[in-house]
Amino acid sequence: MKPPPFKYHDPRTVAETVELLARNENAKILAGGQSLMPMLNMRYVQPDHVIDINRVEGLSYIREAGGRLEIGAMTRQREIEYADLVARRAPIVREAILNVGHRQTRNRGTLGGSLSHLDPAAELPLVSAALEATVHVQGPKGKRDIAMAEFPAGYMSPSIELDEMVIGVTLPVWPDGHGYGFVEFSRRHGDFAIVAAAVLLDVEAGGKIKRASVTVGGVGPSPVRCRDAEKALTGEKGAEAAFRAAAETCRTIDAMEDVYAPAWYRQHLATVMTRRAMVAAFGRAANAR
């Protein structure tokens, strides 16, 4: 199929992009295009204006500042995959990236595009929620920050205005030697995950879990932080029984269902994937000591 007719725009600055968004109704931003182009060709979306930000300056970077990672919205997923800084300071992001599509899609796909598209099964929104990221957006009124927990407004709908765009993300960094685990279940490698789990653990020298982050994706319209599982893990030592008990709390998640899986199956997968991610995270923390 072919896309519907639209007017193409090719801005060079964020300010010019924002002005185009404010001036033109029914506009879509083209970043990596790995989601938008298929949707255009299948006519799931029919914008009157497509604004290509591939030549906008200053949106592609990976850097550390103030103990946090800063990544630009137009940073390619492949760049994140191979960035030593990401591997050292936020290794769960790299592990998640390896589950995103295939090499060809990661060559073009961007961090900002994935967050703006906000697919329930997407890996990058999931780890952003697990790390409690801050999303930076810009519009006619200037820049503003949105906590990742407040970024989803609904199914595939970020909480940004029509004349705003994502310009970058800040990721808090966990202490050196923390444990991390990212596990997902899909029909084939590279397919969208039916359920995925991201776990971060800060483990003391004696093996006691001091802090935990447990987040699942694919079960609802946006990533779900499993607070009950985090509370169940905190203060525990790494034992199979503790992981099973904590993961079991994920069975009560209000899961969605579709042609790929009923709600009860997603709830079951959430418990299994979460437990596996917990085991992986604790094992890495133990090996780092």
Protein backbone atom coordinates (compact mmCIF):
# COMPACT_ATOMS: atom_id res chain seq x y z
CA MET A 1 0.00 0.00 0.00
CA LYS A 2 0.94 3.63 -0.37
CA PRO A 3 0.63 6.40 2.21
CA PRO A 4 -2.06 9.06 1.94
CA PRO A 5 -1.04 12.46 0.53
CA PHE A 6 0.63 14.85 2.97
CA LYS A 7 2.81 17.95 2.97
CA TYR A 8 6.44 17.25 3.85
CA HIS A 9 8.48 19.58 6.09
CA ASP A 10 12.24 19.45 6.67
CA PRO A 11 13.18 21.73 9.60
CA ARG A 12 16.72 22.28 10.90
CA THR A 13 16.08 23.43 14.48
CA VAL A 14 13.85 22.50 17.40
CA ALA A 15 12.33 26.00 17.35
CA GLU A 16 11.40 25.61 13.68
CA THR A 17 9.89 22.19 14.37
CA VAL A 18 7.79 23.51 17.24
CA GLU A 19 6.60 26.41 15.08
CA LEU A 20 5.53 23.96 12.36
CA LEU A 21 3.64 21.85 14.93
CA ALA A 22 1.86 24.92 16.26
CA ARG A 23 0.97 26.27 12.79
CA ASN A 24 -0.19 23.07 11.11
CA GLU A 25 -3.07 20.93 12.27
CA ASN A 26 -2.95 17.13 12.03
CA ALA A 27 0.85 16.97 11.89
CA LYS A 28 3.08 13.99 12.69
CA ILE A 29 6.78 14.00 13.50
CA LEU A 30 9.00 11.61 11.54
CA ALA A 31 11.99 10.44 13.59
CA GLY A 32 13.33 6.95 12.84
CA GLY A 33 10.17 6.06 10.95
CA GLN A 34 10.13 2.42 12.03
CA SER A 35 6.61 2.76 13.40
CA LEU A 36 5.24 5.76 11.51
CA MET A 37 6.09 4.62 7.98
CA PRO A 38 4.27 1.24 8.23
CA MET A 39 1.30 3.00 9.82
CA LEU A 40 1.26 5.53 6.98
CA ASN A 41 1.48 2.83 4.34
CA MET A 42 -1.39 0.89 5.94
CA ARG A 43 -3.26 4.17 6.45
CA TYR A 44 -3.68 3.63 10.17
CA VAL A 45 -2.66 7.29 10.45
CA GLN A 46 -3.44 9.94 7.86
CA PRO A 47 -1.67 13.20 8.71
CA ASP A 48 -1.91 16.31 6.60
CA HIS A 49 1.68 17.23 7.49
CA VAL A 50 4.78 15.11 8.14
CA ILE A 51 7.64 16.93 9.88
CA ASP A 52 10.97 15.18 9.36
CA ILE A 53 13.36 15.94 12.27
CA ASN A 54 16.29 13.85 11.03
CA ARG A 55 18.29 16.97 10.22
CA VAL A 56 17.38 18.92 13.35
CA GLU A 57 20.57 19.82 15.21
CA GLY A 58 21.33 18.96 18.83
CA LEU A 59 18.99 16.00 19.35
CA SER A 60 21.51 13.15 19.15
CA TYR A 61 23.84 12.66 22.14
CA ILE A 62 24.74 10.34 25.02
CA ARG A 63 26.42 11.95 28.00
CA GLU A 64 26.67 11.85 31.78
CA ALA A 65 25.96 14.87 33.95
CA GLY A 66 25.40 15.06 37.68
CA GLY A 67 25.37 11.29 38.11
CA ARG A 68 22.66 10.84 35.48
CA LEU A 69 22.61 9.73 31.86
CA GLU A 70 21.28 12.17 29.30
CA ILE A 71 20.21 10.84 25.90
CA GLY A 72 18.88 12.93 23.02
CA ALA A 73 15.57 12.11 21.40
CA MET A 74 17.14 11.44 17.98
CA THR A 75 19.82 9.11 19.31
CA ARG A 76 19.59 5.89 17.31
CA GLN A 77 18.91 2.70 19.19
CA ARG A 78 22.01 1.21 17.60
CA GLU A 79 24.11 4.03 19.09
CA ILE A 80 22.69 3.29 22.53
CA GLU A 81 23.38 -0.41 22.04
CA TYR A 82 27.08 0.21 21.42
CA ALA A 83 27.66 3.10 23.83
CA ASP A 84 30.20 2.16 26.51
CA LEU A 85 28.73 4.79 28.82
CA VAL A 86 25.29 3.16 28.67
CA ALA A 87 26.78 -0.32 29.19
CA ARG A 88 28.64 0.87 32.29
CA ARG A 89 26.08 3.17 33.89
CA ALA A 90 22.70 1.78 32.79
CA PRO A 91 23.33 -1.79 31.56
CA ILE A 92 19.64 -2.72 31.70
CA VAL A 93 19.04 -0.25 28.85
CA ARG A 94 21.51 -2.07 26.64
CA GLU A 95 19.99 -5.42 27.57
CA ALA A 96 16.56 -4.12 26.64
CA ILE A 97 17.83 -2.66 23.35
CA LEU A 98 19.00 -6.12 22.25
CA ASN A 99 15.33 -7.19 22.28
CA VAL A 100 14.17 -4.28 20.12
CA GLY A 101 13.34 -5.49 16.61
CA HIS A 102 16.39 -6.36 14.53
CA ARG A 103 19.66 -4.66 13.61
CA GLN A 104 18.07 -2.96 10.62
CA THR A 105 15.31 -1.35 12.68
CA ARG A 106 17.71 -0.36 15.47
CA ASN A 107 19.89 1.40 12.88
CA ARG A 108 17.04 3.84 12.28
CA GLY A 109 14.82 3.68 15.36
CA THR A 110 15.29 6.41 17.99
CA LEU A 111 14.77 6.70 21.72
CA GLY A 112 12.44 9.68 21.37
CA GLY A 113 10.44 7.97 18.65
CA SER A 114 9.87 4.90 20.80
CA LEU A 115 8.75 6.99 23.77
CA SER A 116 6.46 9.15 21.64
CA HIS A 117 4.91 6.12 19.93
CA LEU A 118 4.48 4.51 23.37
CA ASP A 119 3.59 1.01 22.25
CA PRO A 120 2.50 -1.07 25.28
CA ALA A 121 5.01 -3.79 24.34
CA ALA A 122 7.96 -1.47 23.63
CA GLU A 123 11.15 -2.10 25.56
CA LEU A 124 12.49 1.45 25.88
CA PRO A 125 9.41 2.91 27.62
CA LEU A 126 9.57 -0.08 29.97
CA VAL A 127 13.17 0.47 31.10
CA SER A 128 12.57 4.22 31.22
CA ALA A 129 9.78 3.57 33.71
CA ALA A 130 11.95 1.13 35.66
CA LEU A 131 14.72 3.75 35.97
CA GLU A 132 12.23 6.53 36.79
CA ALA A 133 13.37 8.60 33.83
CA THR A 134 12.47 12.19 33.13
CA VAL A 135 11.29 13.06 29.62
CA HIS A 136 12.12 16.53 28.31
CA VAL A 137 9.72 18.15 25.86
CA GLN A 138 9.62 21.52 24.14
CA GLY A 139 6.75 23.56 22.78
CA PRO A 140 5.85 27.18 22.02
CA LYS A 141 5.86 27.98 25.75
CA GLY A 142 9.36 26.57 26.22
CA LYS A 143 10.77 23.42 27.75
CA ARG A 144 9.22 21.28 30.46
CA ASP A 145 10.02 18.01 32.20
CA ILE A 146 7.65 15.06 32.62
CA ALA A 147 8.30 12.17 34.98
CA MET A 148 8.09 8.89 33.09
CA ALA A 149 5.41 7.70 35.53
CA GLU A 150 3.21 10.56 34.30
CA PHE A 151 4.22 10.44 30.65
CA PRO A 152 1.59 7.93 29.40
CA ALA A 153 -1.84 9.53 29.06
CA GLY A 154 -3.52 6.43 27.63
CA TYR A 155 -3.07 3.73 25.03
CA MET A 156 -0.23 4.83 22.73
CA SER A 157 -0.82 8.42 23.88
CA PRO A 158 1.92 10.42 25.61
CA SER A 159 0.96 13.34 27.83
CA ILE A 160 2.37 16.01 25.53
CA GLU A 161 0.51 18.71 23.68
CA LEU A 162 0.03 18.61 19.93
CA ASP A 163 2.52 21.46 19.51
CA GLU A 164 5.19 19.84 21.73
CA MET A 165 7.96 17.39 20.88
CA VAL A 166 10.23 15.10 22.90
CA ILE A 167 13.79 16.46 22.87
CA GLY A 168 15.59 14.18 25.33
CA VAL A 169 15.54 11.86 28.32
CA THR A 170 17.40 11.83 31.64
CA LEU A 171 18.00 8.45 33.28
CA PRO A 172 18.99 8.17 36.96
CA VAL A 173 22.00 5.92 37.48
CA TRP A 174 21.98 3.08 40.03
CA PRO A 175 25.08 2.40 42.19
CA ASP A 176 27.99 0.47 40.74
CA GLY A 177 27.55 -3.26 41.21
CA HIS A 178 23.75 -3.18 41.19
CA GLY A 179 21.90 -6.12 39.72
CA TYR A 180 19.73 -5.91 36.64
CA GLY A 181 17.59 -8.27 34.62
CA PHE A 182 15.47 -7.82 31.51
CA VAL A 183 13.40 -10.76 30.24
CA GLU A 184 10.65 -10.86 27.65
CA PHE A 185 8.40 -13.41 26.01
CA SER A 186 7.52 -13.04 22.33
CA ARG A 187 6.45 -15.41 19.58
CA ARG A 188 9.77 -14.91 17.79
CA HIS A 189 12.87 -12.89 18.51
CA GLY A 190 12.31 -9.39 17.20
CA ASP A 191 8.53 -9.56 17.52
CA PHE A 192 6.69 -7.32 19.94
CA ALA A 193 6.83 -8.73 23.45
CA ILE A 194 3.65 -10.26 24.81
CA VAL A 195 5.05 -9.58 28.31
CA ALA A 196 8.43 -8.20 29.40
CA ALA A 197 9.92 -7.58 32.83
CA ALA A 198 12.68 -5.24 34.01
CA VAL A 199 14.19 -5.63 37.48
CA LEU A 200 16.86 -3.58 39.25
CA LEU A 201 18.30 -4.59 42.64
CA ASP A 202 20.67 -2.80 45.01
CA VAL A 203 22.11 -5.57 47.19
CA GLU A 204 24.14 -5.08 50.37
CA ALA A 205 27.36 -6.98 51.11
CA GLY A 206 25.50 -9.53 53.23
CA GLY A 207 23.13 -10.36 50.40
CA LYS A 208 20.18 -8.33 51.69
CA ILE A 209 18.20 -6.42 49.08
CA LYS A 210 18.27 -2.72 49.99
CA ARG A 211 16.26 -1.37 47.05
CA ALA A 212 14.25 -2.89 44.23
CA SER A 213 12.59 -1.73 41.03
CA VAL A 214 10.17 -4.15 39.35
CA THR A 215 8.36 -3.12 36.17
CA VAL A 216 6.42 -5.12 33.58
CA GLY A 217 5.39 -4.20 30.05
CA GLY A 218 2.87 -5.62 27.61
CA VAL A 219 0.24 -6.29 30.26
CA GLY A 220 -1.45 -2.89 30.17
CA PRO A 221 -1.57 0.23 28.00
CA SER A 222 1.67 1.47 29.62
CA PRO A 223 4.46 0.02 31.78
CA VAL A 224 3.32 -1.13 35.24
CA ARG A 225 5.50 -0.63 38.32
CA CYS A 226 4.93 -3.58 40.64
CA ARG A 227 5.16 -1.80 43.99
CA ASP A 228 3.98 -4.81 45.98
CA ALA A 229 6.75 -6.92 44.48
CA GLU A 230 9.30 -4.23 45.31
CA LYS A 231 8.13 -4.10 48.93
CA ALA A 232 8.19 -7.89 49.18
CA LEU A 233 11.82 -7.98 48.00
CA THR A 234 13.17 -5.12 50.12
CA GLY A 235 14.95 -6.45 53.20
CA GLU A 236 14.98 -10.03 51.89
CA LYS A 237 17.99 -12.10 50.99
CA GLY A 238 18.23 -13.62 47.55
CA ALA A 239 16.32 -16.87 47.86
CA GLU A 240 14.12 -18.66 45.34
CA ALA A 241 11.16 -18.61 47.73
CA ALA A 242 11.42 -14.84 48.13
CA PHE A 243 11.55 -14.30 44.38
CA ARG A 244 8.55 -16.54 43.79
CA ALA A 245 6.50 -14.84 46.49
CA ALA A 246 7.36 -11.35 45.21
CA ALA A 247 6.68 -12.27 41.58
CA GLU A 248 3.33 -13.80 42.51
CA THR A 249 2.01 -10.32 43.33
CA CYS A 250 2.13 -9.57 39.59
CA ARG A 251 -0.69 -12.06 39.03
CA THR A 252 -3.19 -9.48 40.26
CA ILE A 253 -2.31 -6.91 37.56
CA ASP A 254 -5.32 -5.70 35.58
CA ALA A 255 -4.08 -7.14 32.30
CA MET A 256 -5.38 -6.41 28.82
CA GLU A 257 -6.19 -9.06 26.25
CA ASP A 258 -6.02 -9.17 22.47
CA VAL A 259 -5.68 -11.64 19.61
CA TYR A 260 -2.25 -12.71 20.90
CA ALA A 261 -3.05 -13.52 24.53
CA PRO A 262 -5.94 -13.46 27.02
CA ALA A 263 -5.64 -11.48 30.24
CA TRP A 264 -5.05 -14.52 32.47
CA TYR A 265 -2.12 -15.62 30.27
CA ARG A 266 -0.50 -12.19 30.48
CA GLN A 267 -0.88 -12.28 34.26
CA HIS A 268 0.79 -15.69 34.35
CA LEU A 269 3.61 -14.53 32.07
CA ALA A 270 4.09 -11.45 34.25
CA THR A 271 4.80 -13.66 37.28
CA VAL A 272 7.16 -15.95 35.35
CA MET A 273 9.08 -13.21 33.51
CA THR A 274 9.39 -11.13 36.68
CA ARG A 275 10.79 -14.04 38.69
CA ARG A 276 13.34 -14.78 35.96
CA ALA A 277 14.39 -11.14 35.84
CA MET A 278 14.75 -11.10 39.64
CA VAL A 279 16.99 -14.16 39.57
CA ALA A 280 19.15 -12.63 36.83
CA ALA A 281 19.40 -9.30 38.67
CA PHE A 282 20.37 -10.87 41.99
CA GLY A 283 22.93 -13.13 40.32
CA ARG A 284 24.62 -10.16 38.68
CA ALA A 285 24.68 -8.22 41.95
CA ALA A 286 26.21 -11.21 43.74
CA ASN A 287 28.89 -11.63 41.07
CA ALA A 288 29.76 -7.94 41.25
CA ARG A 289 30.70 -8.12 44.94
